[in-house]
C-alpha atoms as a PDB file:
ATOM      1  CA  MET A   1     -67.895   4.717 -19.142  1.00  0.00           C
ATOM      2  CA  THR A   2     -71.216   6.382 -19.544  1.00  0.00           C
ATOM      3  CA  HIS A   3     -72.816   9.799 -19.481  1.00  0.00           C
ATOM      4  CA  SER A   4     -75.788  10.833 -17.372  1.00  0.00           C
ATOM      5  CA  PRO A   5     -78.218  10.983 -20.336  1.00  0.00           C
ATOM      6  CA  ASN A   6     -77.608   7.246 -20.764  1.00  0.00           C
ATOM      7  CA  LEU A   7     -78.891   6.505 -17.266  1.00  0.00           C
ATOM      8  CA  ILE A   8     -82.530   5.777 -16.509  1.00  0.00           C
ATOM      9  CA  TRP A   9     -84.060   5.912 -13.009  1.00  0.00           C
ATOM     10  CA  ARG A  10     -86.542   3.036 -12.669  1.00  0.00           C
ATOM     11  CA  GLU A  11     -88.718   4.133  -9.740  1.00  0.00           C
ATOM     12  CA  GLU A  12     -90.676   0.886  -9.604  1.00  0.00           C
ATOM     13  CA  ARG A  13     -87.566  -1.227  -8.950  1.00  0.00           C
ATOM     14  CA  THR A  14     -85.453  -1.579  -5.811  1.00  0.00           C
ATOM     15  CA  GLY A  15     -81.763  -1.420  -4.946  1.00  0.00           C
ATOM     16  CA  ASN A  16     -79.222  -1.282  -7.744  1.00  0.00           C
ATOM     17  CA  ASP A  17     -81.882  -2.534 -10.144  1.00  0.00           C
ATOM     18  CA  ARG A  18     -83.413   0.977 -10.057  1.00  0.00           C
ATOM     19  CA  LEU A  19     -80.602   2.241 -12.273  1.00  0.00           C
ATOM     20  CA  GLY A  20     -80.949   1.444 -15.952  1.00  0.00           C
ATOM     21  CA  LEU A  21     -78.228   1.896 -18.547  1.00  0.00           C
ATOM     22  CA  ILE A  22     -78.768   2.482 -22.241  1.00  0.00           C
ATOM     23  CA  ASP A  23     -76.332   2.953 -25.109  1.00  0.00           C
ATOM     24  CA  PHE A  24     -73.509   0.911 -23.639  1.00  0.00           C
ATOM     25  CA  GLN A  25     -71.920  -0.335 -26.861  1.00  0.00           C
ATOM     26  CA  ASP A  26     -68.725   1.605 -26.113  1.00  0.00           C
ATOM     27  CA  THR A  27     -68.529   0.535 -22.491  1.00  0.00           C
ATOM     28  CA  VAL A  28     -64.906  -0.047 -21.587  1.00  0.00           C
ATOM     29  CA  ILE A  29     -62.843  -0.048 -18.430  1.00  0.00           C
ATOM     30  CA  GLY A  30     -61.376   3.389 -17.857  1.00  0.00           C
ATOM     31  CA  PRO A  31     -60.327   5.651 -15.012  1.00  0.00           C
ATOM     32  CA  GLU A  32     -62.451   4.955 -11.948  1.00  0.00           C
ATOM     33  CA  ALA A  33     -63.307   8.631 -11.443  1.00  0.00           C
ATOM     34  CA  TYR A  34     -64.600   9.059 -15.008  1.00  0.00           C
ATOM     35  CA  ASP A  35     -68.158   8.031 -14.161  1.00  0.00           C
ATOM     36  CA  LEU A  36     -68.127  10.285 -11.106  1.00  0.00           C
ATOM     37  CA  ALA A  37     -67.139  13.234 -13.291  1.00  0.00           C
ATOM     38  CA  SER A  38     -69.765  12.284 -15.877  1.00  0.00           C
ATOM     39  CA  LEU A  39     -72.507  12.279 -13.248  1.00  0.00           C
ATOM     40  CA  ALA A  40     -71.436  15.125 -10.976  1.00  0.00           C
ATOM     41  CA  GLN A  41     -69.947  17.526 -13.510  1.00  0.00           C
ATOM     42  CA  ASP A  42     -71.689  16.776 -16.801  1.00  0.00           C
ATOM     43  CA  ALA A  43     -71.340  19.841 -19.029  1.00  0.00           C
ATOM     44  CA  ARG A  44     -74.621  19.021 -20.800  1.00  0.00           C
ATOM     45  CA  VAL A  45     -76.849  19.287 -17.719  1.00  0.00           C
ATOM     46  CA  THR A  46     -77.063  21.547 -14.693  1.00  0.00           C
ATOM     47  CA  VAL A  47     -76.084  19.607 -11.599  1.00  0.00           C
ATOM     48  CA  PRO A  48     -76.970  21.466  -8.396  1.00  0.00           C
ATOM     49  CA  GLU A  49     -73.844  22.226  -6.368  1.00  0.00           C
ATOM     50  CA  ALA A  50     -75.189  20.422  -3.297  1.00  0.00           C
ATOM     51  CA  LEU A  51     -75.807  17.262  -5.346  1.00  0.00           C
ATOM     52  CA  GLU A  52     -72.353  17.454  -6.922  1.00  0.00           C
ATOM     53  CA  GLU A  53     -70.757  17.789  -3.480  1.00  0.00           C
ATOM     54  CA  ALA A  54     -72.815  14.883  -2.120  1.00  0.00           C
ATOM     55  CA  LEU A  55     -71.861  12.637  -5.050  1.00  0.00           C
ATOM     56  CA  VAL A  56     -68.174  13.434  -4.673  1.00  0.00           C
ATOM     57  CA  ALA A  57     -68.286  12.968  -0.891  1.00  0.00           C
ATOM     58  CA  SER A  58     -70.006   9.609  -1.255  1.00  0.00           C
ATOM     59  CA  TYR A  59     -67.490   8.498  -3.882  1.00  0.00           C
ATOM     60  CA  VAL A  60     -64.536   9.546  -1.715  1.00  0.00           C
ATOM     61  CA  ALA A  61     -65.983   7.809   1.362  1.00  0.00           C
ATOM     62  CA  LEU A  62     -66.470   4.541  -0.524  1.00  0.00           C
ATOM     63  CA  ARG A  63     -62.999   4.699  -2.107  1.00  0.00           C
ATOM     64  CA  GLU A  64     -61.367   5.394   1.282  1.00  0.00           C
ATOM     65  CA  GLU A  65     -63.337   2.523   2.816  1.00  0.00           C
ATOM     66  CA  ARG A  66     -62.009   0.139   0.143  1.00  0.00           C
ATOM     67  CA  ASP A  67     -58.474   1.527  -0.031  1.00  0.00           C
ATOM     68  CA  ALA A  68     -56.872   3.412   2.856  1.00  0.00           C
ATOM     69  CA  SER A  69     -54.226   4.792   0.485  1.00  0.00           C
ATOM     70  CA  PHE A  70     -56.809   6.485  -1.774  1.00  0.00           C
ATOM     71  CA  ASP A  71     -55.682  10.054  -2.536  1.00  0.00           C
ATOM     72  CA  ALA A  72     -58.791  12.237  -2.080  1.00  0.00           C
ATOM     73  CA  GLU A  73     -56.730  15.420  -2.495  1.00  0.00           C
ATOM     74  CA  GLY A  74     -55.359  14.094  -5.774  1.00  0.00           C
ATOM     75  CA  LEU A  75     -58.900  13.507  -6.984  1.00  0.00           C
ATOM     76  CA  ALA A  76     -59.762  17.137  -6.254  1.00  0.00           C
ATOM     77  CA  ALA A  77     -56.693  18.464  -8.056  1.00  0.00           C
END
């Protein structure tokens, strides 16, 4: 689990290698939606509503693609 301030955008790289992660000493496996909430709804930064909606929509689409039984309504609750 991480918080958005621990992420670094590396413009000069490509693909997934563009995302850098710092301060990961407490990284553990937790609820799958935790990182989504940390990025899209971080209380420490202002996340534009359109970006939040796009992040959530992308997350839901990927989860539904991987698991047809994924409960998108339950995520929103």
